[in-house]
Amino acid sequence: MKESKTYSAKVLEICENGDAIIELPPELCEEMGWGEGTVVNIEYENGEVIISEVNNDDRKKSLDKPA
């Protein structure tokens, strides 16, 4: 089983539509290999926030779905 780690993120802005702009901790980004421009998906499940990178194939599928 994968070890779970806890990080804190700073909320920079809450948008009118309810989305939030957050600053992820540098150590998390470095560990995950994320840099500026990396697109992530954020989910909330069972009291935990799960952040995962969205790869180009997933982004294309999402953009191709009819609204």
PDB file of N, CA and C in Angstrom:
ATOM      1  N   MET A   1       0.841  -1.187   0.000  1.00  0.00           N
ATOM      2  CA  MET A   1       0.000   0.000   0.000  1.00  0.00           C
ATOM      3  C   MET A   1       0.882   1.245   0.000  1.00  0.00           C
ATOM      4  N   LYS A   2       0.478   2.240  -0.779  1.00  0.00           N
ATOM      5  CA  LYS A   2       1.242   3.474  -0.917  1.00  0.00           C
ATOM      6  C   LYS A   2       1.130   4.314   0.355  1.00  0.00           C
ATOM      7  N   GLU A   3       2.270   4.863   0.784  1.00  0.00           N
ATOM      8  CA  GLU A   3       2.287   5.699   1.972  1.00  0.00           C
ATOM      9  C   GLU A   3       1.562   7.013   1.697  1.00  0.00           C
ATOM     10  N   SER A   4       0.740   7.437   2.635  1.00  0.00           N
ATOM     11  CA  SER A   4      -0.002   8.684   2.499  1.00  0.00           C
ATOM     12  C   SER A   4       0.770   9.808   3.178  1.00  0.00           C
ATOM     13  N   LYS A   5       0.877  10.947   2.508  1.00  0.00           N
ATOM     14  CA  LYS A   5       1.551  12.114   3.069  1.00  0.00           C
ATOM     15  C   LYS A   5       0.550  13.251   3.175  1.00  0.00           C
ATOM     16  N   THR A   6       0.832  14.160   4.078  1.00  0.00           N
ATOM     17  CA  THR A   6      -0.031  15.320   4.270  1.00  0.00           C
ATOM     18  C   THR A   6       0.733  16.590   3.918  1.00  0.00           C
ATOM     19  N   TYR A   7       0.104  17.455   3.140  1.00  0.00           N
ATOM     20  CA  TYR A   7       0.681  18.741   2.760  1.00  0.00           C
ATOM     21  C   TYR A   7      -0.370  19.817   3.010  1.00  0.00           C
ATOM     22  N   SER A   8       0.082  21.037   3.157  1.00  0.00           N
ATOM     23  CA  SER A   8      -0.825  22.185   3.256  1.00  0.00           C
ATOM     24  C   SER A   8      -0.635  23.053   2.032  1.00  0.00           C
ATOM     25  N   ALA A   9      -1.728  23.612   1.526  1.00  0.00           N
ATOM     26  CA  ALA A   9      -1.681  24.483   0.358  1.00  0.00           C
ATOM     27  C   ALA A   9      -2.276  25.840   0.735  1.00  0.00           C
ATOM     28  N   LYS A  10      -1.763  26.874   0.118  1.00  0.00           N
ATOM     29  CA  LYS A  10      -2.243  28.231   0.366  1.00  0.00           C
ATOM     30  C   LYS A  10      -3.300  28.585  -0.678  1.00  0.00           C
ATOM     31  N   VAL A  11      -4.458  29.055  -0.233  1.00  0.00           N
ATOM     32  CA  VAL A  11      -5.501  29.517  -1.148  1.00  0.00           C
ATOM     33  C   VAL A  11      -5.159  30.952  -1.533  1.00  0.00           C
ATOM     34  N   LEU A  12      -4.921  31.166  -2.824  1.00  0.00           N
ATOM     35  CA  LEU A  12      -4.558  32.496  -3.308  1.00  0.00           C
ATOM     36  C   LEU A  12      -5.778  33.318  -3.682  1.00  0.00           C
ATOM     37  N   GLU A  13      -6.794  32.643  -4.209  1.00  0.00           N
ATOM     38  CA  GLU A  13      -7.993  33.359  -4.667  1.00  0.00           C
ATOM     39  C   GLU A  13      -9.156  32.387  -4.772  1.00  0.00           C
ATOM     40  N   ILE A  14     -10.341  32.862  -4.419  1.00  0.00           N
ATOM     41  CA  ILE A  14     -11.560  32.093  -4.652  1.00  0.00           C
ATOM     42  C   ILE A  14     -12.345  32.845  -5.722  1.00  0.00           C
ATOM     43  N   CYS A  15     -12.588  32.172  -6.831  1.00  0.00           N
ATOM     44  CA  CYS A  15     -13.234  32.787  -7.995  1.00  0.00           C
ATOM     45  C   CYS A  15     -14.744  32.881  -7.795  1.00  0.00           C
ATOM     46  N   GLU A  16     -15.382  33.707  -8.605  1.00  0.00           N
ATOM     47  CA  GLU A  16     -16.830  33.898  -8.525  1.00  0.00           C
ATOM     48  C   GLU A  16     -17.602  32.600  -8.726  1.00  0.00           C
ATOM     49  N   ASN A  17     -17.060  31.689  -9.548  1.00  0.00           N
ATOM     50  CA  ASN A  17     -17.762  30.434  -9.830  1.00  0.00           C
ATOM     51  C   ASN A  17     -17.514  29.372  -8.757  1.00  0.00           C
ATOM     52  N   GLY A  18     -16.752  29.731  -7.709  1.00  0.00           N
ATOM     53  CA  GLY A  18     -16.489  28.789  -6.625  1.00  0.00           C
ATOM     54  C   GLY A  18     -15.173  28.047  -6.758  1.00  0.00           C
ATOM     55  N   ASP A  19     -14.526  28.134  -7.920  1.00  0.00           N
ATOM     56  CA  ASP A  19     -13.207  27.519  -8.084  1.00  0.00           C
ATOM     57  C   ASP A  19     -12.211  28.274  -7.212  1.00  0.00           C
ATOM     58  N   ALA A  20     -11.144  27.613  -6.865  1.00  0.00           N
ATOM     59  CA  ALA A  20     -10.106  28.255  -6.069  1.00  0.00           C
ATOM     60  C   ALA A  20      -8.762  28.128  -6.767  1.00  0.00           C
ATOM     61  N   ILE A  21      -7.954  29.145  -6.614  1.00  0.00           N
ATOM     62  CA  ILE A  21      -6.580  29.107  -7.095  1.00  0.00           C
ATOM     63  C   ILE A  21      -5.724  28.865  -5.861  1.00  0.00           C
ATOM     64  N   ILE A  22      -4.969  27.758  -5.902  1.00  0.00           N
ATOM     65  CA  ILE A  22      -4.157  27.397  -4.745  1.00  0.00           C
ATOM     66  C   ILE A  22      -2.684  27.296  -5.128  1.00  0.00           C
ATOM     67  N   GLU A  23      -1.844  27.469  -4.141  1.00  0.00           N
ATOM     68  CA  GLU A  23      -0.400  27.324  -4.325  1.00  0.00           C
ATOM     69  C   GLU A  23       0.005  26.013  -3.659  1.00  0.00           C
ATOM     70  N   LEU A  24       0.428  25.055  -4.482  1.00  0.00           N
ATOM     71  CA  LEU A  24       0.848  23.769  -3.943  1.00  0.00           C
ATOM     72  C   LEU A  24       2.259  23.889  -3.376  1.00  0.00           C
ATOM     73  N   PRO A  25       2.562  23.145  -2.327  1.00  0.00           N
ATOM     74  CA  PRO A  25       3.900  23.208  -1.727  1.00  0.00           C
ATOM     75  C   PRO A  25       4.979  22.768  -2.724  1.00  0.00           C
ATOM     76  N   PRO A  26       6.100  23.483  -2.769  1.00  0.00           N
ATOM     77  CA  PRO A  26       7.179  23.143  -3.697  1.00  0.00           C
ATOM     78  C   PRO A  26       7.667  21.704  -3.550  1.00  0.00           C
ATOM     79  N   GLU A  27       7.727  21.195  -2.319  1.00  0.00           N
ATOM     80  CA  GLU A  27       8.208  19.830  -2.119  1.00  0.00           C
ATOM     81  C   GLU A  27       7.257  18.797  -2.732  1.00  0.00           C
ATOM     82  N   LEU A  28       5.958  19.071  -2.725  1.00  0.00           N
ATOM     83  CA  LEU A  28       4.989  18.183  -3.366  1.00  0.00           C
ATOM     84  C   LEU A  28       5.196  18.204  -4.883  1.00  0.00           C
ATOM     85  N   CYS A  29       5.303  19.409  -5.445  1.00  0.00           N
ATOM     86  CA  CYS A  29       5.499  19.546  -6.894  1.00  0.00           C
ATOM     87  C   CYS A  29       6.782  18.863  -7.340  1.00  0.00           C
ATOM     88  N   GLU A  30       7.839  19.037  -6.568  1.00  0.00           N
ATOM     89  CA  GLU A  30       9.126  18.418  -6.917  1.00  0.00           C
ATOM     90  C   GLU A  30       9.007  16.890  -6.863  1.00  0.00           C
ATOM     91  N   GLU A  31       8.397  16.385  -5.824  1.00  0.00           N
ATOM     92  CA  GLU A  31       8.234  14.936  -5.669  1.00  0.00           C
ATOM     93  C   GLU A  31       7.419  14.333  -6.814  1.00  0.00           C
ATOM     94  N   MET A  32       6.401  15.062  -7.265  1.00  0.00           N
ATOM     95  CA  MET A  32       5.513  14.559  -8.311  1.00  0.00           C
ATOM     96  C   MET A  32       6.030  14.871  -9.723  1.00  0.00           C
ATOM     97  N   GLY A  33       7.053  15.734  -9.816  1.00  0.00           N
ATOM     98  CA  GLY A  33       7.576  16.112 -11.127  1.00  0.00           C
ATOM     99  C   GLY A  33       6.698  17.138 -11.820  1.00  0.00           C
ATOM    100  N   TRP A  34       5.917  17.888 -11.040  1.00  0.00           N
ATOM    101  CA  TRP A  34       5.022  18.900 -11.593  1.00  0.00           C
ATOM    102  C   TRP A  34       5.732  20.241 -11.644  1.00  0.00           C
ATOM    103  N   GLY A  35       5.424  21.015 -12.688  1.00  0.00           N
ATOM    104  CA  GLY A  35       5.970  22.358 -12.819  1.00  0.00           C
ATOM    105  C   GLY A  35       4.870  23.311 -13.260  1.00  0.00           C
ATOM    106  N   GLU A  36       5.255  24.533 -13.505  1.00  0.00           N
ATOM    107  CA  GLU A  36       4.288  25.528 -13.967  1.00  0.00           C
ATOM    108  C   GLU A  36       3.641  25.021 -15.250  1.00  0.00           C
ATOM    109  N   GLY A  37       2.331  25.106 -15.313  1.00  0.00           N
ATOM    110  CA  GLY A  37       1.593  24.655 -16.490  1.00  0.00           C
ATOM    111  C   GLY A  37       1.077  23.232 -16.390  1.00  0.00           C
ATOM    112  N   THR A  38       1.489  22.480 -15.361  1.00  0.00           N
ATOM    113  CA  THR A  38       0.967  21.132 -15.179  1.00  0.00           C
ATOM    114  C   THR A  38      -0.512  21.224 -14.829  1.00  0.00           C
ATOM    115  N   VAL A  39      -1.337  20.447 -15.513  1.00  0.00           N
ATOM    116  CA  VAL A  39      -2.775  20.437 -15.249  1.00  0.00           C
ATOM    117  C   VAL A  39      -3.070  19.285 -14.279  1.00  0.00           C
ATOM    118  N   VAL A  40      -3.778  19.602 -13.197  1.00  0.00           N
ATOM    119  CA  VAL A  40      -4.105  18.586 -12.204  1.00  0.00           C
ATOM    120  C   VAL A  40      -5.606  18.497 -12.015  1.00  0.00           C
ATOM    121  N   ASN A  41      -6.043  17.332 -11.570  1.00  0.00           N
ATOM    122  CA  ASN A  41      -7.432  17.092 -11.210  1.00  0.00           C
ATOM    123  C   ASN A  41      -7.483  17.011  -9.691  1.00  0.00           C
ATOM    124  N   ILE A  42      -8.453  17.668  -9.091  1.00  0.00           N
ATOM    125  CA  ILE A  42      -8.590  17.657  -7.638  1.00  0.00           C
ATOM    126  C   ILE A  42      -9.948  17.073  -7.288  1.00  0.00           C
ATOM    127  N   GLU A  43      -9.928  16.032  -6.453  1.00  0.00           N
ATOM    128  CA  GLU A  43     -11.156  15.379  -6.011  1.00  0.00           C
ATOM    129  C   GLU A  43     -11.181  15.338  -4.487  1.00  0.00           C
ATOM    130  N   TYR A  44     -12.373  15.275  -3.938  1.00  0.00           N
ATOM    131  CA  TYR A  44     -12.548  15.173  -2.496  1.00  0.00           C
ATOM    132  C   TYR A  44     -13.301  13.877  -2.219  1.00  0.00           C
ATOM    133  N   GLU A  45     -12.634  12.935  -1.557  1.00  0.00           N
ATOM    134  CA  GLU A  45     -13.238  11.638  -1.269  1.00  0.00           C
ATOM    135  C   GLU A  45     -12.954  11.228   0.166  1.00  0.00           C
ATOM    136  N   ASN A  46     -13.987  10.834   0.872  1.00  0.00           N
ATOM    137  CA  ASN A  46     -13.834  10.310   2.235  1.00  0.00           C
ATOM    138  C   ASN A  46     -12.982  11.202   3.125  1.00  0.00           C
ATOM    139  N   GLY A  47     -13.181  12.505   3.031  1.00  0.00           N
ATOM    140  CA  GLY A  47     -12.466  13.450   3.868  1.00  0.00           C
ATOM    141  C   GLY A  47     -11.044  13.746   3.421  1.00  0.00           C
ATOM    142  N   GLU A  48     -10.649  13.258   2.247  1.00  0.00           N
ATOM    143  CA  GLU A  48      -9.302  13.491   1.730  1.00  0.00           C
ATOM    144  C   GLU A  48      -9.361  14.212   0.399  1.00  0.00           C
ATOM    145  N   VAL A  49      -8.405  15.088   0.168  1.00  0.00           N
ATOM    146  CA  VAL A  49      -8.267  15.751  -1.121  1.00  0.00           C
ATOM    147  C   VAL A  49      -7.251  14.949  -1.924  1.00  0.00           C
ATOM    148  N   ILE A  50      -7.640  14.534  -3.119  1.00  0.00           N
ATOM    149  CA  ILE A  50      -6.774  13.727  -3.980  1.00  0.00           C
ATOM    150  C   ILE A  50      -6.431  14.561  -5.208  1.00  0.00           C
ATOM    151  N   ILE A  51      -5.132  14.772  -5.415  1.00  0.00           N
ATOM    152  CA  ILE A  51      -4.648  15.561  -6.548  1.00  0.00           C
ATOM    153  C   ILE A  51      -3.871  14.641  -7.465  1.00  0.00           C
ATOM    154  N   SER A  52      -4.250  14.630  -8.741  1.00  0.00           N
ATOM    155  CA  SER A  52      -3.547  13.790  -9.706  1.00  0.00           C
ATOM    156  C   SER A  52      -3.333  14.584 -10.993  1.00  0.00           C
ATOM    157  N   GLU A  53      -2.240  14.265 -11.682  1.00  0.00           N
ATOM    158  CA  GLU A  53      -1.930  14.948 -12.931  1.00  0.00           C
ATOM    159  C   GLU A  53      -2.865  14.474 -14.035  1.00  0.00           C
ATOM    160  N   VAL A  54      -3.325  15.404 -14.844  1.00  0.00           N
ATOM    161  CA  VAL A  54      -4.158  15.081 -15.996  1.00  0.00           C
ATOM    162  C   VAL A  54      -3.218  14.970 -17.188  1.00  0.00           C
ATOM    163  N   ASN A  55      -3.169  13.787 -17.805  1.00  0.00           N
ATOM    164  CA  ASN A  55      -2.286  13.635 -18.965  1.00  0.00           C
ATOM    165  C   ASN A  55      -2.988  14.146 -20.220  1.00  0.00           C
ATOM    166  N   ASN A  56      -2.234  14.318 -21.281  1.00  0.00           N
ATOM    167  CA  ASN A  56      -2.768  14.895 -22.523  1.00  0.00           C
ATOM    168  C   ASN A  56      -3.925  14.085 -23.092  1.00  0.00           C
ATOM    169  N   ASP A  57      -3.874  12.745 -23.011  1.00  0.00           N
ATOM    170  CA  ASP A  57      -4.964  11.915 -23.526  1.00  0.00           C
ATOM    171  C   ASP A  57      -6.257  12.180 -22.766  1.00  0.00           C
ATOM    172  N   ASP A  58      -6.163  12.285 -21.415  1.00  0.00           N
ATOM    173  CA  ASP A  58      -7.348  12.554 -20.598  1.00  0.00           C
ATOM    174  C   ASP A  58      -7.911  13.943 -20.897  1.00  0.00           C
ATOM    175  N   ARG A  59      -7.029  14.930 -21.097  1.00  0.00           N
ATOM    176  CA  ARG A  59      -7.488  16.287 -21.410  1.00  0.00           C
ATOM    177  C   ARG A  59      -8.223  16.308 -22.743  1.00  0.00           C
ATOM    178  N   LYS A  60      -7.683  15.608 -23.747  1.00  0.00           N
ATOM    179  CA  LYS A  60      -8.310  15.569 -25.062  1.00  0.00           C
ATOM    180  C   LYS A  60      -9.687  14.921 -24.981  1.00  0.00           C
ATOM    181  N   LYS A  61      -9.803  13.807 -24.255  1.00  0.00           N
ATOM    182  CA  LYS A  61     -11.089  13.129 -24.091  1.00  0.00           C
ATOM    183  C   LYS A  61     -12.093  14.052 -23.437  1.00  0.00           C
ATOM    184  N   SER A  62     -11.665  14.780 -22.414  1.00  0.00           N
ATOM    185  CA  SER A  62     -12.539  15.692 -21.710  1.00  0.00           C
ATOM    186  C   SER A  62     -13.007  16.828 -22.622  1.00  0.00           C
ATOM    187  N   LEU A  63     -12.103  17.368 -23.435  1.00  0.00           N
ATOM    188  CA  LEU A  63     -12.450  18.457 -24.328  1.00  0.00           C
ATOM    189  C   LEU A  63     -13.348  17.983 -25.479  1.00  0.00           C
ATOM    190  N   ASP A  64     -13.231  16.705 -25.859  1.00  0.00           N
ATOM    191  CA  ASP A  64     -14.032  16.161 -26.956  1.00  0.00           C
ATOM    192  C   ASP A  64     -15.458  15.817 -26.552  1.00  0.00           C
ATOM    193  N   LYS A  65     -15.728  15.714 -25.235  1.00  0.00           N
ATOM    194  CA  LYS A  65     -17.076  15.358 -24.771  1.00  0.00           C
ATOM    195  C   LYS A  65     -18.036  16.487 -25.072  1.00  0.00           C
ATOM    196  N   PRO A  66     -19.240  16.139 -25.571  1.00  0.00           N
ATOM    197  CA  PRO A  66     -20.225  17.204 -25.805  1.00  0.00           C
ATOM    198  C   PRO A  66     -20.699  17.807 -24.493  1.00  0.00           C
ATOM    199  N   ALA A  67     -20.943  19.089 -24.487  1.00  0.00           N
ATOM    200  CA  ALA A  67     -21.387  19.783 -23.274  1.00  0.00           C
ATOM    201  C   ALA A  67     -22.822  19.518 -22.959  1.00  0.00           C
TER     202      ALA A  67
END
